Amino acid sequence: MGKRETSKRRFLMMAVLLCLAGAAIITFTDLPWRGLIGAGLSLTGIALLMAGVIAGTRAKETHSPEGRLG
């Protein structure tokens, strides 16, 4: 496993943990701003997941034989 794959896995793991933290804050706390904080964390996690998936797809396209130009 290369250095890039390890950092990508950490990035995606952080995104998943942000989503779970947001859901946990909304569900298990009585904070007055829990909806705002939890939704913000969840949406940040979802955005990071989408960015990671898009970056992974682009990397596969550029490194695959049929994706190369020329």
Protein backbone atom coordinates (compact mmCIF):
# COMPACT_ATOMS: atom_id res chain seq x y z
CA MET A 1 0.00 0.00 0.00
CA GLY A 2 1.45 3.34 -1.05
CA LYS A 3 1.64 6.57 0.86
CA ARG A 4 -1.13 8.08 -1.27
CA GLU A 5 -3.55 5.22 -0.53
CA THR A 6 -2.85 5.49 3.20
CA SER A 7 -3.56 9.22 3.24
CA LYS A 8 -6.71 8.68 1.17
CA ARG A 9 -7.96 6.06 3.63
CA ARG A 10 -7.31 8.42 6.55
CA PHE A 11 -9.13 11.20 4.70
CA LEU A 12 -12.17 9.00 4.06
CA MET A 13 -12.11 7.66 7.63
CA MET A 14 -12.13 11.23 8.95
CA ALA A 15 -15.12 12.00 6.72
CA VAL A 16 -17.04 9.00 8.05
CA LEU A 17 -16.20 9.93 11.64
CA LEU A 18 -17.45 13.48 11.06
CA CYS A 19 -20.75 12.11 9.77
CA LEU A 20 -21.08 9.82 12.79
CA ALA A 21 -20.14 12.60 15.22
CA GLY A 22 -22.80 14.86 13.73
CA ALA A 23 -25.44 12.16 14.04
CA ALA A 24 -24.37 11.37 17.60
CA ILE A 25 -24.54 15.02 18.65
CA ILE A 26 -28.04 15.37 17.23
CA THR A 27 -29.24 12.13 18.81
CA PHE A 28 -27.56 11.93 22.20
CA THR A 29 -27.12 15.49 23.47
CA ASP A 30 -29.40 18.17 24.84
CA LEU A 31 -27.37 21.11 23.57
CA PRO A 32 -29.48 24.06 22.43
CA TRP A 33 -27.57 24.27 19.12
CA ARG A 34 -27.30 20.53 18.54
CA GLY A 35 -29.12 20.63 15.21
CA LEU A 36 -26.86 23.30 13.80
CA ILE A 37 -23.66 21.70 15.10
CA GLY A 38 -24.66 18.16 14.16
CA ALA A 39 -25.90 19.08 10.71
CA GLY A 40 -22.74 21.08 10.07
CA LEU A 41 -20.52 18.16 11.02
CA SER A 42 -22.59 15.71 8.98
CA LEU A 43 -22.61 17.93 5.89
CA THR A 44 -18.86 18.51 6.19
CA GLY A 45 -18.34 14.76 6.36
CA ILE A 46 -20.54 14.18 3.32
CA ALA A 47 -18.68 16.86 1.36
CA LEU A 48 -15.34 15.26 2.26
CA LEU A 49 -16.64 11.83 1.21
CA MET A 50 -17.78 13.18 -2.13
CA ALA A 51 -14.45 14.94 -2.69
CA GLY A 52 -12.56 11.73 -1.89
CA VAL A 53 -14.68 9.64 -4.23
CA ILE A 54 -14.31 12.15 -7.07
CA ALA A 55 -10.54 12.35 -6.55
CA GLY A 56 -10.28 8.55 -6.51
CA THR A 57 -12.31 8.24 -9.70
CA ARG A 58 -10.17 10.81 -11.47
CA ALA A 59 -6.99 9.10 -10.32
CA LYS A 60 -8.21 5.75 -11.68
CA GLU A 61 -9.14 7.34 -15.01
CA THR A 62 -5.74 8.99 -15.47
CA HIS A 63 -3.76 5.89 -14.43
CA SER A 64 -5.75 3.32 -16.37
CA PRO A 65 -4.54 2.36 -19.88
CA GLU A 66 -7.78 3.32 -21.60
CA GLY A 67 -7.90 6.67 -19.79
CA ARG A 68 -4.56 7.89 -21.10
CA LEU A 69 -4.36 10.16 -24.06
CA GLY A 70 -2.04 9.47 -26.95
